[in-house]
N, C-alpha and C. Protein backbone atom coordinates (compact mmCIF):
# COMPACT_ATOMS: atom_id res chain seq x y z
N MET A 1 102.17 90.19 71.95
CA MET A 1 102.21 89.74 73.34
C MET A 1 102.63 90.90 74.23
N SER A 2 101.95 91.04 75.34
CA SER A 2 102.28 92.08 76.30
C SER A 2 103.13 91.51 77.42
N GLY A 3 103.95 92.36 78.01
CA GLY A 3 104.79 91.93 79.11
C GLY A 3 104.09 92.10 80.44
N TYR A 4 104.52 91.31 81.43
CA TYR A 4 104.04 91.46 82.79
C TYR A 4 105.01 90.78 83.74
N LEU A 5 104.87 91.06 85.04
CA LEU A 5 105.80 90.58 86.05
C LEU A 5 105.06 89.87 87.17
N THR A 6 105.58 88.69 87.57
CA THR A 6 105.02 87.93 88.69
C THR A 6 106.15 87.41 89.57
N THR A 7 105.78 86.88 90.73
CA THR A 7 106.75 86.24 91.62
C THR A 7 106.07 85.09 92.35
N HIS A 8 106.87 84.29 93.02
CA HIS A 8 106.41 83.21 93.89
C HIS A 8 107.49 83.06 94.94
N VAL A 9 107.12 83.15 96.21
CA VAL A 9 108.10 83.06 97.29
C VAL A 9 107.85 81.77 98.07
N LEU A 10 108.87 80.94 98.15
CA LEU A 10 108.79 79.68 98.88
C LEU A 10 109.76 79.70 100.06
N ASP A 11 109.28 79.27 101.21
CA ASP A 11 110.08 79.14 102.42
C ASP A 11 110.69 77.75 102.39
N THR A 12 111.93 77.65 101.96
CA THR A 12 112.56 76.34 101.79
C THR A 12 112.94 75.69 103.11
N ALA A 13 113.08 76.47 104.18
CA ALA A 13 113.41 75.90 105.49
C ALA A 13 112.20 75.18 106.08
N ARG A 14 111.01 75.73 105.85
CA ARG A 14 109.79 75.13 106.40
C ARG A 14 109.05 74.28 105.37
N GLY A 15 109.45 74.39 104.10
CA GLY A 15 108.83 73.60 103.05
C GLY A 15 107.41 74.03 102.72
N CYS A 16 107.21 75.35 102.64
CA CYS A 16 105.86 75.85 102.36
C CYS A 16 105.95 77.22 101.66
N PRO A 17 104.83 77.66 101.10
CA PRO A 17 104.82 79.01 100.53
C PRO A 17 105.03 80.05 101.63
N ALA A 18 105.65 81.16 101.27
CA ALA A 18 105.90 82.25 102.23
C ALA A 18 104.73 83.22 102.18
N ALA A 19 103.72 82.97 103.00
CA ALA A 19 102.52 83.81 103.04
C ALA A 19 102.77 85.04 103.91
N GLY A 20 102.24 86.18 103.48
CA GLY A 20 102.33 87.40 104.27
C GLY A 20 103.65 88.15 104.15
N LEU A 21 104.41 87.87 103.10
CA LEU A 21 105.69 88.55 102.90
C LEU A 21 105.48 89.82 102.06
N ARG A 22 105.93 90.95 102.57
CA ARG A 22 105.78 92.22 101.87
C ARG A 22 106.84 92.35 100.78
N ILE A 23 106.40 92.86 99.61
CA ILE A 23 107.28 93.07 98.47
C ILE A 23 107.05 94.48 97.94
N ASP A 24 108.14 95.21 97.72
CA ASP A 24 108.07 96.53 97.10
C ASP A 24 108.67 96.43 95.70
N LEU A 25 108.05 97.12 94.75
CA LEU A 25 108.55 97.20 93.38
C LEU A 25 109.02 98.61 93.09
N TYR A 26 110.23 98.72 92.54
CA TYR A 26 110.81 100.00 92.14
C TYR A 26 111.21 99.95 90.68
N ARG A 27 111.12 101.10 90.02
CA ARG A 27 111.69 101.26 88.68
C ARG A 27 113.00 102.01 88.87
N ILE A 28 114.05 101.56 88.20
CA ILE A 28 115.38 102.15 88.32
C ILE A 28 115.70 102.90 87.04
N GLU A 29 116.02 104.17 87.18
CA GLU A 29 116.45 104.98 86.03
C GLU A 29 117.71 105.74 86.45
N GLY A 30 118.85 105.26 85.97
CA GLY A 30 120.13 105.84 86.39
C GLY A 30 120.32 105.59 87.87
N GLU A 31 120.50 106.67 88.62
CA GLU A 31 120.65 106.57 90.07
C GLU A 31 119.31 106.73 90.79
N ALA A 32 118.25 107.06 90.05
CA ALA A 32 116.94 107.28 90.65
C ALA A 32 116.20 105.96 90.84
N ARG A 33 115.47 105.87 91.93
CA ARG A 33 114.71 104.67 92.29
C ARG A 33 113.28 105.14 92.61
N GLN A 34 112.32 104.76 91.76
CA GLN A 34 110.94 105.20 91.92
C GLN A 34 110.07 104.06 92.42
N HIS A 35 109.45 104.25 93.60
CA HIS A 35 108.57 103.22 94.15
C HIS A 35 107.29 103.16 93.33
N LEU A 36 106.93 101.96 92.85
CA LEU A 36 105.73 101.78 92.04
C LEU A 36 104.58 101.18 92.84
N LYS A 37 104.87 100.19 93.68
CA LYS A 37 103.79 99.59 94.47
C LYS A 37 104.33 98.67 95.54
N THR A 38 103.45 98.36 96.48
CA THR A 38 103.73 97.40 97.55
C THR A 38 102.65 96.33 97.51
N LEU A 39 103.07 95.08 97.57
CA LEU A 39 102.15 93.94 97.57
C LEU A 39 102.55 92.99 98.69
N THR A 40 101.65 92.09 99.04
CA THR A 40 101.93 91.07 100.05
C THR A 40 101.56 89.71 99.48
N THR A 41 102.38 88.71 99.77
CA THR A 41 102.10 87.37 99.25
C THR A 41 100.89 86.75 99.96
N ASN A 42 100.16 85.94 99.20
CA ASN A 42 98.99 85.25 99.74
C ASN A 42 99.40 83.88 100.30
N ASP A 43 98.42 83.04 100.63
CA ASP A 43 98.71 81.73 101.22
C ASP A 43 99.50 80.81 100.31
N ASP A 44 99.51 81.10 99.01
CA ASP A 44 100.27 80.30 98.05
C ASP A 44 101.66 80.89 97.79
N GLY A 45 102.01 81.99 98.49
CA GLY A 45 103.32 82.62 98.29
C GLY A 45 103.38 83.48 97.04
N ARG A 46 102.22 83.77 96.45
CA ARG A 46 102.14 84.61 95.25
C ARG A 46 101.38 85.88 95.61
N THR A 47 101.42 86.85 94.74
CA THR A 47 100.61 88.05 94.95
C THR A 47 99.25 87.83 94.29
N ASP A 48 98.22 88.47 94.82
CA ASP A 48 96.87 88.30 94.29
C ASP A 48 96.71 88.88 92.89
N GLU A 49 97.59 89.79 92.54
CA GLU A 49 97.57 90.39 91.20
C GLU A 49 98.99 90.37 90.65
N GLN A 50 99.12 90.55 89.36
CA GLN A 50 100.45 90.63 88.77
C GLN A 50 101.18 91.82 89.38
N ILE A 51 102.45 91.67 89.66
CA ILE A 51 103.21 92.77 90.25
C ILE A 51 103.23 93.95 89.30
N LEU A 52 103.47 93.67 88.06
CA LEU A 52 103.43 94.70 87.02
C LEU A 52 102.59 94.14 85.88
N PRO A 53 101.31 94.53 85.80
CA PRO A 53 100.44 93.99 84.76
C PRO A 53 100.77 94.58 83.39
N ALA A 54 100.24 93.95 82.36
CA ALA A 54 100.51 94.36 80.98
C ALA A 54 100.22 95.84 80.74
N ALA A 55 99.16 96.36 81.34
CA ALA A 55 98.78 97.76 81.12
C ALA A 55 99.83 98.74 81.67
N GLU A 56 100.66 98.27 82.62
CA GLU A 56 101.68 99.14 83.24
C GLU A 56 103.09 98.75 82.81
N PHE A 57 103.22 97.71 82.01
CA PHE A 57 104.54 97.19 81.65
C PHE A 57 105.33 98.19 80.80
N ALA A 58 106.60 98.33 81.13
CA ALA A 58 107.54 99.10 80.32
C ALA A 58 108.91 98.43 80.43
N LYS A 59 109.62 98.35 79.33
CA LYS A 59 110.97 97.81 79.36
C LYS A 59 111.81 98.69 80.28
N GLY A 60 112.82 98.09 80.90
CA GLY A 60 113.71 98.87 81.74
C GLY A 60 114.26 98.06 82.90
N SER A 61 114.86 98.77 83.84
CA SER A 61 115.46 98.16 85.02
C SER A 61 114.52 98.32 86.20
N TYR A 62 114.41 97.26 86.98
CA TYR A 62 113.49 97.23 88.12
C TYR A 62 114.19 96.59 89.32
N GLU A 63 113.55 96.78 90.47
CA GLU A 63 114.04 96.14 91.69
C GLU A 63 112.84 95.66 92.50
N LEU A 64 112.88 94.40 92.87
CA LEU A 64 111.93 93.84 93.83
C LEU A 64 112.64 93.79 95.17
N VAL A 65 111.99 94.28 96.21
CA VAL A 65 112.55 94.26 97.55
C VAL A 65 111.66 93.36 98.41
N PHE A 66 112.22 92.25 98.84
CA PHE A 66 111.51 91.26 99.64
C PHE A 66 111.85 91.51 101.12
N HIS A 67 110.84 91.72 101.93
CA HIS A 67 111.04 92.01 103.36
C HIS A 67 111.06 90.69 104.14
N ALA A 68 112.18 90.00 104.01
CA ALA A 68 112.34 88.66 104.57
C ALA A 68 112.39 88.65 106.09
N GLY A 69 113.05 89.63 106.69
CA GLY A 69 113.19 89.66 108.15
C GLY A 69 111.84 89.72 108.84
N ALA A 70 110.96 90.59 108.38
CA ALA A 70 109.63 90.71 108.98
C ALA A 70 108.85 89.41 108.79
N TYR A 71 108.99 88.78 107.62
CA TYR A 71 108.33 87.50 107.37
C TYR A 71 108.86 86.44 108.33
N LEU A 72 110.18 86.34 108.47
CA LEU A 72 110.78 85.34 109.36
C LEU A 72 110.36 85.58 110.81
N ASP A 73 110.29 86.84 111.23
CA ASP A 73 109.80 87.16 112.58
C ASP A 73 108.38 86.63 112.76
N ALA A 74 107.50 86.94 111.80
CA ALA A 74 106.10 86.54 111.89
C ALA A 74 105.95 85.01 111.83
N ALA A 75 106.87 84.35 111.14
CA ALA A 75 106.82 82.89 111.02
C ALA A 75 107.36 82.19 112.26
N GLY A 76 107.89 82.96 113.21
CA GLY A 76 108.39 82.37 114.45
C GLY A 76 109.81 81.86 114.38
N VAL A 77 110.55 82.24 113.36
CA VAL A 77 111.96 81.85 113.28
C VAL A 77 112.70 82.60 114.38
N PRO A 78 113.45 81.88 115.24
CA PRO A 78 114.13 82.57 116.34
C PRO A 78 114.95 83.76 115.84
N PRO A 79 114.74 84.91 116.47
CA PRO A 79 115.43 86.12 116.00
C PRO A 79 116.90 86.14 116.39
N GLU A 80 117.65 86.84 115.62
CA GLU A 80 119.05 87.13 115.91
C GLU A 80 119.18 88.63 115.71
N GLU A 81 120.15 89.24 116.30
CA GLU A 81 120.27 90.70 116.20
C GLU A 81 121.64 91.07 115.67
N PRO A 82 121.76 91.57 114.48
CA PRO A 82 120.67 91.70 113.51
C PRO A 82 120.46 90.39 112.77
N ARG A 83 119.33 90.29 112.11
CA ARG A 83 119.04 89.10 111.29
C ARG A 83 120.06 89.01 110.16
N PHE A 84 120.45 87.79 109.82
CA PHE A 84 121.37 87.61 108.69
C PHE A 84 120.73 88.12 107.41
N LEU A 85 119.48 87.74 107.15
CA LEU A 85 118.74 88.25 106.00
C LEU A 85 117.56 89.07 106.51
N ASP A 86 117.52 90.32 106.12
CA ASP A 86 116.42 91.19 106.52
C ASP A 86 115.66 91.65 105.29
N VAL A 87 116.29 92.47 104.49
CA VAL A 87 115.69 92.99 103.26
C VAL A 87 116.51 92.45 102.09
N ILE A 88 115.83 91.82 101.13
CA ILE A 88 116.51 91.22 99.98
C ILE A 88 116.13 91.99 98.72
N PRO A 89 117.04 92.80 98.18
CA PRO A 89 116.76 93.49 96.91
C PRO A 89 117.24 92.64 95.73
N ILE A 90 116.40 92.54 94.72
CA ILE A 90 116.78 91.84 93.50
C ILE A 90 116.56 92.80 92.35
N ARG A 91 117.66 93.20 91.71
CA ARG A 91 117.61 94.16 90.60
C ARG A 91 117.75 93.39 89.30
N PHE A 92 116.90 93.71 88.34
CA PHE A 92 116.88 92.96 87.08
C PHE A 92 116.36 93.85 85.97
N GLY A 93 116.58 93.42 84.74
CA GLY A 93 116.12 94.16 83.58
C GLY A 93 115.06 93.39 82.82
N MET A 94 114.14 94.13 82.23
CA MET A 94 113.12 93.54 81.35
C MET A 94 113.30 94.18 79.99
N SER A 95 113.78 93.40 79.03
CA SER A 95 114.20 93.94 77.73
C SER A 95 113.22 93.68 76.60
N GLU A 96 112.16 92.92 76.88
CA GLU A 96 111.18 92.62 75.84
C GLU A 96 109.81 92.45 76.48
N ALA A 97 108.77 92.56 75.67
CA ALA A 97 107.41 92.37 76.17
C ALA A 97 107.16 90.87 76.32
N ALA A 98 107.40 90.35 77.51
CA ALA A 98 107.27 88.92 77.80
C ALA A 98 106.85 88.77 79.26
N HIS A 99 106.55 87.54 79.64
CA HIS A 99 106.24 87.25 81.05
C HIS A 99 107.56 87.10 81.79
N TYR A 100 107.79 87.97 82.74
CA TYR A 100 108.95 87.88 83.61
C TYR A 100 108.46 87.36 84.95
N HIS A 101 109.04 86.26 85.39
CA HIS A 101 108.69 85.65 86.67
C HIS A 101 109.97 85.60 87.49
N VAL A 102 109.97 86.29 88.63
CA VAL A 102 111.16 86.38 89.48
C VAL A 102 110.83 85.75 90.83
N PRO A 103 111.03 84.44 90.97
CA PRO A 103 110.72 83.77 92.22
C PRO A 103 111.84 83.95 93.25
N LEU A 104 111.49 83.71 94.50
CA LEU A 104 112.48 83.76 95.58
C LEU A 104 112.34 82.50 96.41
N LEU A 105 113.43 81.77 96.55
CA LEU A 105 113.51 80.61 97.44
C LEU A 105 114.25 81.09 98.68
N LEU A 106 113.57 81.05 99.82
CA LEU A 106 114.05 81.74 101.03
C LEU A 106 114.23 80.78 102.19
N SER A 107 115.32 80.98 102.93
CA SER A 107 115.53 80.35 104.24
C SER A 107 116.17 81.41 105.13
N PRO A 108 116.28 81.18 106.43
CA PRO A 108 116.85 82.22 107.29
C PRO A 108 118.29 82.61 106.96
N PHE A 109 119.03 81.72 106.30
CA PHE A 109 120.45 81.98 106.04
C PHE A 109 120.85 81.93 104.59
N GLY A 110 119.88 81.96 103.67
CA GLY A 110 120.21 81.95 102.27
C GLY A 110 118.98 82.14 101.41
N TYR A 111 119.21 82.49 100.15
CA TYR A 111 118.12 82.63 99.19
C TYR A 111 118.67 82.43 97.79
N SER A 112 117.76 82.15 96.86
CA SER A 112 118.14 82.09 95.46
C SER A 112 116.98 82.59 94.62
N THR A 113 117.30 83.00 93.41
CA THR A 113 116.30 83.47 92.48
C THR A 113 116.74 83.10 91.08
N TYR A 114 115.87 83.27 90.13
CA TYR A 114 116.17 82.97 88.73
C TYR A 114 115.04 83.57 87.89
N ARG A 115 115.23 83.60 86.60
CA ARG A 115 114.13 84.02 85.72
C ARG A 115 113.30 82.79 85.42
N GLY A 116 112.12 82.75 85.97
CA GLY A 116 111.23 81.62 85.79
C GLY A 116 110.28 81.83 84.63
N SER A 117 109.29 80.96 84.57
CA SER A 117 108.31 81.06 83.49
C SER A 117 106.90 81.00 84.05
C-alpha cells in the first residue's frame, strides 16, 4: 500500500464546504521548512488532486497552512482588524505508507482537525 495525503475543509458557521480556500503544503526537516505545493479547495471543500500523491509520498513531518482569513473575506464574513483566525498551520507526522486525511472544520472564531480516513 502506498501513502498519500488529502484534506476536506468545511465551513461550520455557514454549514457548507469551504470552496476557494488556499492551502500550502510544506515538508519540515529540523528547522527547515520546504514549500512543496499550493492548492485551492473546490466546491466540495476538497482539492481536485491528492495533496501528496503516492508517487511523491515520503514519511516525515509536514505542515498544511490553511489561508482562512482570505477565505472568510471572500465568503463575506464581516472583517475585523486583525482577523482572529487568518492563517492556520497544522503540523503533523506521517510515519507509515497509509492514507492520511487531515480535515479542517472552520468558523471565524475556531477550528478543529483530526486524522480522518
